[in-house]
Amino acid sequence: SPSFLQIKDRLFSFFPHFCVVGMLFEHTNKYKIV
């Protein structure tokens, strides 16, 4: 969607090594694992 594409390059996502909550539903491939 245009609304997401306007923030795509401004989005920074971090998830824990054992991740369940954060991986619910879809994500982009741009994230880091802590």
PDB file of all heavy atoms in Angstrom:
ATOM      1  N   SER A   1       0.820  -1.209   0.000  1.00  0.00           N
ATOM      2  CA  SER A   1       0.000   0.000   0.000  1.00  0.00           C
ATOM      3  C   SER A   1       0.856   1.262   0.000  1.00  0.00           C
ATOM      4  O   SER A   1       1.968   1.279   0.542  1.00  0.00           O
ATOM      5  CB  SER A   1      -0.918   0.016   1.226  1.00  0.00           C
ATOM      6  OG  SER A   1      -0.143   0.147   2.411  1.00  0.00           O
ATOM      7  N   PRO A   2       0.372   2.343  -0.599  1.00  0.00           N
ATOM      8  CA  PRO A   2       1.118   3.615  -0.608  1.00  0.00           C
ATOM      9  C   PRO A   2       1.422   4.123   0.803  1.00  0.00           C
ATOM     10  O   PRO A   2       2.488   4.703   1.037  1.00  0.00           O
ATOM     11  CB  PRO A   2       0.161   4.562  -1.349  1.00  0.00           C
ATOM     12  CG  PRO A   2      -0.651   3.667  -2.220  1.00  0.00           C
ATOM     13  CD  PRO A   2      -0.863   2.425  -1.401  1.00  0.00           C
ATOM     14  N   SER A   3       0.500   3.883   1.743  1.00  0.00           N
ATOM     15  CA  SER A   3       0.705   4.367   3.115  1.00  0.00           C
ATOM     16  C   SER A   3       1.890   3.687   3.772  1.00  0.00           C
ATOM     17  O   SER A   3       2.625   4.310   4.557  1.00  0.00           O
ATOM     18  CB  SER A   3      -0.557   4.151   3.952  1.00  0.00           C
ATOM     19  OG  SER A   3      -0.910   2.781   3.987  1.00  0.00           O
ATOM     20  N   PHE A   4       2.119   2.392   3.468  1.00  0.00           N
ATOM     21  CA  PHE A   4       3.290   1.720   4.036  1.00  0.00           C
ATOM     22  C   PHE A   4       4.561   2.086   3.277  1.00  0.00           C
ATOM     23  O   PHE A   4       5.620   2.299   3.881  1.00  0.00           O
ATOM     24  CB  PHE A   4       3.138   0.203   4.036  1.00  0.00           C
ATOM     25  CG  PHE A   4       4.374  -0.507   4.538  1.00  0.00           C
ATOM     26  CD1 PHE A   4       4.647  -0.566   5.893  1.00  0.00           C
ATOM     27  CD2 PHE A   4       5.298  -1.040   3.648  1.00  0.00           C
ATOM     28  CE1 PHE A   4       5.814  -1.161   6.356  1.00  0.00           C
ATOM     29  CE2 PHE A   4       6.467  -1.646   4.102  1.00  0.00           C
ATOM     30  CZ  PHE A   4       6.717  -1.699   5.463  1.00  0.00           C
ATOM     31  N   LEU A   5       4.471   2.162   1.981  1.00  0.00           N
ATOM     32  CA  LEU A   5       5.658   2.446   1.171  1.00  0.00           C
ATOM     33  C   LEU A   5       6.280   3.787   1.527  1.00  0.00           C
ATOM     34  O   LEU A   5       7.492   3.963   1.411  1.00  0.00           O
ATOM     35  CB  LEU A   5       5.291   2.411  -0.315  1.00  0.00           C
ATOM     36  CG  LEU A   5       4.898   1.026  -0.860  1.00  0.00           C
ATOM     37  CD1 LEU A   5       4.481   1.131  -2.318  1.00  0.00           C
ATOM     38  CD2 LEU A   5       6.035   0.024  -0.697  1.00  0.00           C
ATOM     39  N   GLN A   6       5.473   4.722   2.048  1.00  0.00           N
ATOM     40  CA  GLN A   6       6.031   6.024   2.405  1.00  0.00           C
ATOM     41  C   GLN A   6       6.883   5.980   3.676  1.00  0.00           C
ATOM     42  O   GLN A   6       7.676   6.879   3.932  1.00  0.00           O
ATOM     43  CB  GLN A   6       4.913   7.059   2.564  1.00  0.00           C
ATOM     44  CG  GLN A   6       4.052   6.890   3.798  1.00  0.00           C
ATOM     45  CD  GLN A   6       3.061   8.029   3.978  1.00  0.00           C
ATOM     46  OE1 GLN A   6       3.052   8.995   3.219  1.00  0.00           O
ATOM     47  NE2 GLN A   6       2.210   7.922   4.986  1.00  0.00           N
ATOM     48  N   ILE A   7       6.723   4.902   4.481  1.00  0.00           N
ATOM     49  CA  ILE A   7       7.539   4.788   5.701  1.00  0.00           C
ATOM     50  C   ILE A   7       8.512   3.607   5.627  1.00  0.00           C
ATOM     51  O   ILE A   7       9.271   3.367   6.573  1.00  0.00           O
ATOM     52  CB  ILE A   7       6.660   4.630   6.968  1.00  0.00           C
ATOM     53  CG1 ILE A   7       5.961   3.258   6.973  1.00  0.00           C
ATOM     54  CG2 ILE A   7       5.675   5.768   7.095  1.00  0.00           C
ATOM     55  CD1 ILE A   7       5.342   2.894   8.306  1.00  0.00           C
ATOM     56  N   LYS A   8       8.497   2.881   4.531  1.00  0.00           N
ATOM     57  CA  LYS A   8       9.303   1.661   4.400  1.00  0.00           C
ATOM     58  C   LYS A   8      10.761   1.869   4.781  1.00  0.00           C
ATOM     59  O   LYS A   8      11.338   1.081   5.539  1.00  0.00           O
ATOM     60  CB  LYS A   8       9.203   1.146   2.964  1.00  0.00           C
ATOM     61  CG  LYS A   8      10.019  -0.107   2.697  1.00  0.00           C
ATOM     62  CD  LYS A   8       9.869  -0.540   1.252  1.00  0.00           C
ATOM     63  CE  LYS A   8      10.736  -1.770   0.970  1.00  0.00           C
ATOM     64  NZ  LYS A   8      10.626  -2.195  -0.455  1.00  0.00           N
ATOM     65  N   ASP A   9      11.368   2.917   4.276  1.00  0.00           N
ATOM     66  CA  ASP A   9      12.791   3.170   4.543  1.00  0.00           C
ATOM     67  C   ASP A   9      13.038   3.799   5.906  1.00  0.00           C
ATOM     68  O   ASP A   9      14.190   3.960   6.321  1.00  0.00           O
ATOM     69  CB  ASP A   9      13.371   4.069   3.451  1.00  0.00           C
ATOM     70  CG  ASP A   9      13.379   3.387   2.088  1.00  0.00           C
ATOM     71  OD1 ASP A   9      13.444   2.153   2.054  1.00  0.00           O
ATOM     72  OD2 ASP A   9      13.286   4.093   1.063  1.00  0.00           O
ATOM     73  N   ARG A  10      11.968   4.154   6.606  1.00  0.00           N
ATOM     74  CA  ARG A  10      12.091   4.744   7.933  1.00  0.00           C
ATOM     75  C   ARG A  10      11.799   3.726   9.036  1.00  0.00           C
ATOM     76  O   ARG A  10      11.907   4.047  10.215  1.00  0.00           O
ATOM     77  CB  ARG A  10      11.127   5.925   8.084  1.00  0.00           C
ATOM     78  CG  ARG A  10      11.392   7.114   7.163  1.00  0.00           C
ATOM     79  CD  ARG A  10      10.304   8.169   7.375  1.00  0.00           C
ATOM     80  NE  ARG A  10      10.578   9.420   6.698  1.00  0.00           N
ATOM     81  CZ  ARG A  10      10.195   9.700   5.452  1.00  0.00           C
ATOM     82  NH1 ARG A  10       9.516   8.788   4.760  1.00  0.00           N
ATOM     83  NH2 ARG A  10      10.481  10.864   4.903  1.00  0.00           N
ATOM     84  N   LEU A  11      11.414   2.517   8.650  1.00  0.00           N
ATOM     85  CA  LEU A  11      11.018   1.501   9.627  1.00  0.00           C
ATOM     86  C   LEU A  11      12.197   0.628  10.040  1.00  0.00           C
ATOM     87  O   LEU A  11      12.909   0.084   9.198  1.00  0.00           O
ATOM     88  CB  LEU A  11       9.917   0.615   9.030  1.00  0.00           C
ATOM     89  CG  LEU A  11       9.460  -0.575   9.873  1.00  0.00           C
ATOM     90  CD1 LEU A  11       8.907  -0.108  11.222  1.00  0.00           C
ATOM     91  CD2 LEU A  11       8.422  -1.396   9.119  1.00  0.00           C
ATOM     92  N   PHE A  12      12.371   0.479  11.361  1.00  0.00           N
ATOM     93  CA  PHE A  12      13.428  -0.370  11.924  1.00  0.00           C
ATOM     94  C   PHE A  12      12.782  -1.322  12.935  1.00  0.00           C
ATOM     95  O   PHE A  12      12.215  -0.876  13.931  1.00  0.00           O
ATOM     96  CB  PHE A  12      14.496   0.490  12.594  1.00  0.00           C
ATOM     97  CG  PHE A  12      15.116   1.489  11.657  1.00  0.00           C
ATOM     98  CD1 PHE A  12      14.593   2.775  11.545  1.00  0.00           C
ATOM     99  CD2 PHE A  12      16.214   1.146  10.875  1.00  0.00           C
ATOM    100  CE1 PHE A  12      15.149   3.695  10.670  1.00  0.00           C
ATOM    101  CE2 PHE A  12      16.774   2.063   9.992  1.00  0.00           C
ATOM    102  CZ  PHE A  12      16.242   3.336   9.893  1.00  0.00           C
ATOM    103  N   SER A  13      12.871  -2.623  12.645  1.00  0.00           N
ATOM    104  CA  SER A  13      12.215  -3.624  13.497  1.00  0.00           C
ATOM    105  C   SER A  13      13.255  -4.516  14.172  1.00  0.00           C
ATOM    106  O   SER A  13      14.238  -4.930  13.552  1.00  0.00           O
ATOM    107  CB  SER A  13      11.263  -4.486  12.663  1.00  0.00           C
ATOM    108  OG  SER A  13      10.216  -3.705  12.120  1.00  0.00           O
ATOM    109  N   PHE A  14      13.000  -4.813  15.453  1.00  0.00           N
ATOM    110  CA  PHE A  14      13.888  -5.674  16.242  1.00  0.00           C
ATOM    111  C   PHE A  14      13.051  -6.760  16.910  1.00  0.00           C
ATOM    112  O   PHE A  14      11.992  -6.478  17.479  1.00  0.00           O
ATOM    113  CB  PHE A  14      14.612  -4.855  17.309  1.00  0.00           C
ATOM    114  CG  PHE A  14      15.546  -3.814  16.752  1.00  0.00           C
ATOM    115  CD1 PHE A  14      15.065  -2.562  16.379  1.00  0.00           C
ATOM    116  CD2 PHE A  14      16.904  -4.075  16.589  1.00  0.00           C
ATOM    117  CE1 PHE A  14      15.910  -1.590  15.860  1.00  0.00           C
ATOM    118  CE2 PHE A  14      17.758  -3.114  16.070  1.00  0.00           C
ATOM    119  CZ  PHE A  14      17.263  -1.873  15.703  1.00  0.00           C
ATOM    120  N   PHE A  15      13.555  -8.006  16.850  1.00  0.00           N
ATOM    121  CA  PHE A  15      12.847  -9.134  17.438  1.00  0.00           C
ATOM    122  C   PHE A  15      13.809  -9.985  18.267  1.00  0.00           C
ATOM    123  O   PHE A  15      14.997 -10.094  17.929  1.00  0.00           O
ATOM    124  CB  PHE A  15      12.224 -10.003  16.342  1.00  0.00           C
ATOM    125  CG  PHE A  15      11.277  -9.260  15.445  1.00  0.00           C
ATOM    126  CD1 PHE A  15      11.668  -8.882  14.163  1.00  0.00           C
ATOM    127  CD2 PHE A  15      10.012  -8.920  15.877  1.00  0.00           C
ATOM    128  CE1 PHE A  15      10.813  -8.188  13.328  1.00  0.00           C
ATOM    129  CE2 PHE A  15       9.137  -8.222  15.054  1.00  0.00           C
ATOM    130  CZ  PHE A  15       9.539  -7.854  13.780  1.00  0.00           C
ATOM    131  N   PRO A  16      13.314 -10.628  19.338  1.00  0.00           N
ATOM    132  CA  PRO A  16      14.183 -11.499  20.140  1.00  0.00           C
ATOM    133  C   PRO A  16      14.473 -12.809  19.424  1.00  0.00           C
ATOM    134  O   PRO A  16      13.751 -13.178  18.485  1.00  0.00           O
ATOM    135  CB  PRO A  16      13.352 -11.721  21.412  1.00  0.00           C
ATOM    136  CG  PRO A  16      11.933 -11.631  20.932  1.00  0.00           C
ATOM    137  CD  PRO A  16      11.950 -10.543  19.891  1.00  0.00           C
ATOM    138  N   HIS A  17      15.497 -13.491  19.874  1.00  0.00           N
ATOM    139  CA  HIS A  17      15.900 -14.771  19.276  1.00  0.00           C
ATOM    140  C   HIS A  17      14.742 -15.770  19.304  1.00  0.00           C
ATOM    141  O   HIS A  17      14.463 -16.438  18.300  1.00  0.00           O
ATOM    142  CB  HIS A  17      17.108 -15.328  20.042  1.00  0.00           C
ATOM    143  CG  HIS A  17      17.556 -16.678  19.590  1.00  0.00           C
ATOM    144  ND1 HIS A  17      17.860 -16.969  18.282  1.00  0.00           N
ATOM    145  CD2 HIS A  17      17.759 -17.839  20.290  1.00  0.00           C
ATOM    146  CE1 HIS A  17      18.229 -18.231  18.181  1.00  0.00           C
ATOM    147  NE2 HIS A  17      18.169 -18.776  19.373  1.00  0.00           N
ATOM    148  N   PHE A  18      14.068 -15.889  20.450  1.00  0.00           N
ATOM    149  CA  PHE A  18      12.874 -16.740  20.547  1.00  0.00           C
ATOM    150  C   PHE A  18      11.680 -15.819  20.334  1.00  0.00           C
ATOM    151  O   PHE A  18      11.221 -15.142  21.239  1.00  0.00           O
ATOM    152  CB  PHE A  18      12.786 -17.421  21.915  1.00  0.00           C
ATOM    153  CG  PHE A  18      11.697 -18.467  21.991  1.00  0.00           C
ATOM    154  CD1 PHE A  18      12.006 -19.809  21.863  1.00  0.00           C
ATOM    155  CD2 PHE A  18      10.364 -18.096  22.184  1.00  0.00           C
ATOM    156  CE1 PHE A  18      11.008 -20.778  21.928  1.00  0.00           C
ATOM    157  CE2 PHE A  18       9.362 -19.056  22.243  1.00  0.00           C
ATOM    158  CZ  PHE A  18       9.684 -20.397  22.113  1.00  0.00           C
ATOM    159  N   CYS A  19      11.217 -15.766  19.117  1.00  0.00           N
ATOM    160  CA  CYS A  19      10.190 -14.780  18.759  1.00  0.00           C
ATOM    161  C   CYS A  19       8.897 -15.463  18.321  1.00  0.00           C
ATOM    162  O   CYS A  19       8.897 -16.254  17.379  1.00  0.00           O
ATOM    163  CB  CYS A  19      10.706 -13.884  17.634  1.00  0.00           C
ATOM    164  SG  CYS A  19       9.546 -12.621  17.120  1.00  0.00           S
ATOM    165  N   VAL A  20       7.817 -15.153  19.021  1.00  0.00           N
ATOM    166  CA  VAL A  20       6.494 -15.648  18.648  1.00  0.00           C
ATOM    167  C   VAL A  20       5.563 -14.470  18.367  1.00  0.00           C
ATOM    168  O   VAL A  20       4.981 -14.349  17.299  1.00  0.00           O
ATOM    169  CB  VAL A  20       5.892 -16.553  19.738  1.00  0.00           C
ATOM    170  CG1 VAL A  20       4.456 -16.919  19.388  1.00  0.00           C
ATOM    171  CG2 VAL A  20       6.726 -17.823  19.907  1.00  0.00           C
ATOM    172  N   VAL A  21       5.459 -13.565  19.331  1.00  0.00           N
ATOM    173  CA  VAL A  21       4.545 -12.419  19.203  1.00  0.00           C
ATOM    174  C   VAL A  21       4.886 -11.575  17.980  1.00  0.00           C
ATOM    175  O   VAL A  21       4.022 -11.252  17.159  1.00  0.00           O
ATOM    176  CB  VAL A  21       4.594 -11.544  20.478  1.00  0.00           C
ATOM    177  CG1 VAL A  21       3.702 -10.311  20.308  1.00  0.00           C
ATOM    178  CG2 VAL A  21       4.154 -12.347  21.690  1.00  0.00           C
ATOM    179  N   GLY A  22       6.146 -11.211  17.847  1.00  0.00           N
ATOM    180  CA  GLY A  22       6.554 -10.329  16.761  1.00  0.00           C
ATOM    181  C   GLY A  22       6.414 -10.938  15.387  1.00  0.00           C
ATOM    182  O   GLY A  22       6.218 -10.228  14.399  1.00  0.00           O
ATOM    183  N   MET A  23       6.498 -12.275  15.275  1.00  0.00           N
ATOM    184  CA  MET A  23       6.417 -12.916  13.979  1.00  0.00           C
ATOM    185  C   MET A  23       4.996 -13.296  13.580  1.00  0.00           C
ATOM    186  O   MET A  23       4.784 -13.953  12.558  1.00  0.00           O
ATOM    187  CB  MET A  23       7.308 -14.163  13.955  1.00  0.00           C
ATOM    188  CG  MET A  23       8.790 -13.850  13.813  1.00  0.00           C
ATOM    189  SD  MET A  23       9.217 -13.160  12.176  1.00  0.00           S
ATOM    190  CE  MET A  23       9.442 -11.426  12.600  1.00  0.00           C
ATOM    191  N   LEU A  24       4.009 -12.876  14.388  1.00  0.00           N
ATOM    192  CA  LEU A  24       2.622 -13.132  14.015  1.00  0.00           C
ATOM    193  C   LEU A  24       2.259 -12.263  12.815  1.00  0.00           C
ATOM    194  O   LEU A  24       2.588 -11.087  12.762  1.00  0.00           O
ATOM    195  CB  LEU A  24       1.684 -12.830  15.186  1.00  0.00           C
ATOM    196  CG  LEU A  24       1.921 -13.657  16.469  1.00  0.00           C
ATOM    197  CD1 LEU A  24       0.890 -13.310  17.523  1.00  0.00           C
ATOM    198  CD2 LEU A  24       1.906 -15.150  16.167  1.00  0.00           C
ATOM    199  N   PHE A  25       1.601 -12.863  11.856  1.00  0.00           N
ATOM    200  CA  PHE A  25       1.234 -12.209  10.604  1.00  0.00           C
ATOM    201  C   PHE A  25       2.490 -11.897   9.780  1.00  0.00           C
ATOM    202  O   PHE A  25       3.563 -12.401  10.078  1.00  0.00           O
ATOM    203  CB  PHE A  25       0.377 -10.969  10.876  1.00  0.00           C
ATOM    204  CG  PHE A  25      -0.844 -11.273  11.716  1.00  0.00           C
ATOM    205  CD1 PHE A  25      -0.965 -10.801  13.008  1.00  0.00           C
ATOM    206  CD2 PHE A  25      -1.857 -12.073  11.203  1.00  0.00           C
ATOM    207  CE1 PHE A  25      -2.074 -11.112  13.786  1.00  0.00           C
ATOM    208  CE2 PHE A  25      -2.975 -12.392  11.979  1.00  0.00           C
ATOM    209  CZ  PHE A  25      -3.082 -11.904  13.276  1.00  0.00           C
ATOM    210  N   GLU A  26       2.351 -11.082   8.764  1.00  0.00           N
ATOM    211  CA  GLU A  26       3.452 -10.887   7.815  1.00  0.00           C
ATOM    212  C   GLU A  26       4.354  -9.711   8.204  1.00  0.00           C
ATOM    213  O   GLU A  26       3.924  -8.767   8.857  1.00  0.00           O
ATOM    214  CB  GLU A  26       2.886 -10.635   6.418  1.00  0.00           C
ATOM    215  CG  GLU A  26       1.963 -11.735   5.915  1.00  0.00           C
ATOM    216  CD  GLU A  26       2.698 -13.024   5.626  1.00  0.00           C
ATOM    217  OE1 GLU A  26       3.906 -12.955   5.320  1.00  0.00           O
ATOM    218  OE2 GLU A  26       2.073 -14.099   5.698  1.00  0.00           O
ATOM    219  N   HIS A  27       5.617  -9.804   7.758  1.00  0.00           N
ATOM    220  CA  HIS A  27       6.596  -8.741   7.962  1.00  0.00           C
ATOM    221  C   HIS A  27       7.409  -8.573   6.684  1.00  0.00           C
ATOM    222  O   HIS A  27       7.422  -9.456   5.825  1.00  0.00           O
ATOM    223  CB  HIS A  27       7.558  -9.077   9.105  1.00  0.00           C
ATOM    224  CG  HIS A  27       7.023  -8.801  10.467  1.00  0.00           C
ATOM    225  ND1 HIS A  27       6.975  -7.532  11.015  1.00  0.00           N
ATOM    226  CD2 HIS A  27       6.494  -9.629  11.402  1.00  0.00           C
ATOM    227  CE1 HIS A  27       6.454  -7.591  12.227  1.00  0.00           C
ATOM    228  NE2 HIS A  27       6.147  -8.847  12.486  1.00  0.00           N
ATOM    229  N   THR A  28       8.111  -7.455   6.590  1.00  0.00           N
ATOM    230  CA  THR A  28       9.094  -7.314   5.523  1.00  0.00           C
ATOM    231  C   THR A  28      10.343  -8.096   5.962  1.00  0.00           C
ATOM    232  O   THR A  28      10.406  -8.585   7.099  1.00  0.00           O
ATOM    233  CB  THR A  28       9.482  -5.836   5.306  1.00  0.00           C
ATOM    234  OG1 THR A  28      10.194  -5.374   6.469  1.00  0.00           O
ATOM    235  CG2 THR A  28       8.245  -4.973   5.093  1.00  0.00           C
ATOM    236  N   ASN A  29      11.306  -8.208   5.085  1.00  0.00           N
ATOM    237  CA  ASN A  29      12.543  -8.925   5.430  1.00  0.00           C
ATOM    238  C   ASN A  29      13.578  -8.021   6.083  1.00  0.00           C
ATOM    239  O   ASN A  29      14.714  -8.436   6.323  1.00  0.00           O
ATOM    240  CB  ASN A  29      13.137  -9.560   4.169  1.00  0.00           C
ATOM    241  CG  ASN A  29      12.291 -10.697   3.641  1.00  0.00           C
ATOM    242  OD1 ASN A  29      11.702 -11.440   4.423  1.00  0.00           O
ATOM    243  ND2 ASN A  29      12.207 -10.823   2.330  1.00  0.00           N
ATOM    244  N   LYS A  30      13.182  -6.807   6.378  1.00  0.00           N
ATOM    245  CA  LYS A  30      14.101  -5.842   6.969  1.00  0.00           C
ATOM    246  C   LYS A  30      13.908  -5.800   8.491  1.00  0.00           C
ATOM    247  O   LYS A  30      13.026  -5.107   8.998  1.00  0.00           O
ATOM    248  CB  LYS A  30      13.861  -4.446   6.381  1.00  0.00           C
ATOM    249  CG  LYS A  30      14.779  -3.370   6.932  1.00  0.00           C
ATOM    250  CD  LYS A  30      14.372  -2.007   6.391  1.00  0.00           C
ATOM    251  CE  LYS A  30      15.165  -0.902   7.064  1.00  0.00           C
ATOM    252  NZ  LYS A  30      14.736   0.446   6.622  1.00  0.00           N
ATOM    253  N   TYR A  31      14.696  -6.587   9.221  1.00  0.00           N
ATOM    254  CA  TYR A  31      14.623  -6.584  10.680  1.00  0.00           C
ATOM    255  C   TYR A  31      15.917  -7.165  11.243  1.00  0.00           C
ATOM    256  O   TYR A  31      16.708  -7.776  10.522  1.00  0.00           O
ATOM    257  CB  TYR A  31      13.419  -7.390  11.177  1.00  0.00           C
ATOM    258  CG  TYR A  31      13.355  -8.818  10.683  1.00  0.00           C
ATOM    259  CD1 TYR A  31      14.175  -9.818  11.222  1.00  0.00           C
ATOM    260  CD2 TYR A  31      12.465  -9.175   9.681  1.00  0.00           C
ATOM    261  CE1 TYR A  31      14.107 -11.120  10.774  1.00  0.00           C
ATOM    262  CE2 TYR A  31      12.395 -10.480   9.219  1.00  0.00           C
ATOM    263  CZ  TYR A  31      13.205 -11.448   9.768  1.00  0.00           C
ATOM    264  OH  TYR A  31      13.145 -12.742   9.311  1.00  0.00           O
ATOM    265  N   LYS A  32      16.112  -6.974  12.553  1.00  0.00           N
ATOM    266  CA  LYS A  32      17.290  -7.506  13.224  1.00  0.00           C
ATOM    267  C   LYS A  32      16.855  -8.373  14.404  1.00  0.00           C
ATOM    268  O   LYS A  32      15.824  -8.108  15.034  1.00  0.00           O
ATOM    269  CB  LYS A  32      18.196  -6.367  13.694  1.00  0.00           C
ATOM    270  CG  LYS A  32      18.802  -5.586  12.532  1.00  0.00           C
ATOM    271  CD  LYS A  32      19.749  -4.495  13.006  1.00  0.00           C
ATOM    272  CE  LYS A  32      20.380  -3.769  11.820  1.00  0.00           C
ATOM    273  NZ  LYS A  32      21.313  -2.693  12.251  1.00  0.00           N
ATOM    274  N   ILE A  33      17.652  -9.400  14.696  1.00  0.00           N
ATOM    275  CA  ILE A  33      17.337 -10.359  15.756  1.00  0.00           C
ATOM    276  C   ILE A  33      18.282 -10.144  16.935  1.00  0.00           C
ATOM    277  O   ILE A  33      19.498 -10.103  16.764  1.00  0.00           O
ATOM    278  CB  ILE A  33      17.463 -11.798  15.226  1.00  0.00           C
ATOM    279  CG1 ILE A  33      16.512 -11.996  14.034  1.00  0.00           C
ATOM    280  CG2 ILE A  33      17.142 -12.805  16.331  1.00  0.00           C
ATOM    281  CD1 ILE A  33      16.741 -13.288  13.280  1.00  0.00           C
ATOM    282  N   VAL A  34      17.700 -10.017  18.126  1.00  0.00           N
ATOM    283  CA  VAL A  34      18.461  -9.645  19.318  1.00  0.00           C
ATOM    284  C   VAL A  34      18.679 -10.848  20.242  1.00  0.00           C
ATOM    285  O   VAL A  34      17.755 -11.620  20.511  1.00  0.00           O
ATOM    286  CB  VAL A  34      17.727  -8.532  20.096  1.00  0.00           C
ATOM    287  CG1 VAL A  34      18.556  -8.084  21.291  1.00  0.00           C
ATOM    288  CG2 VAL A  34      17.428  -7.344  19.181  1.00  0.00           C
TER     289      VAL A  34
END
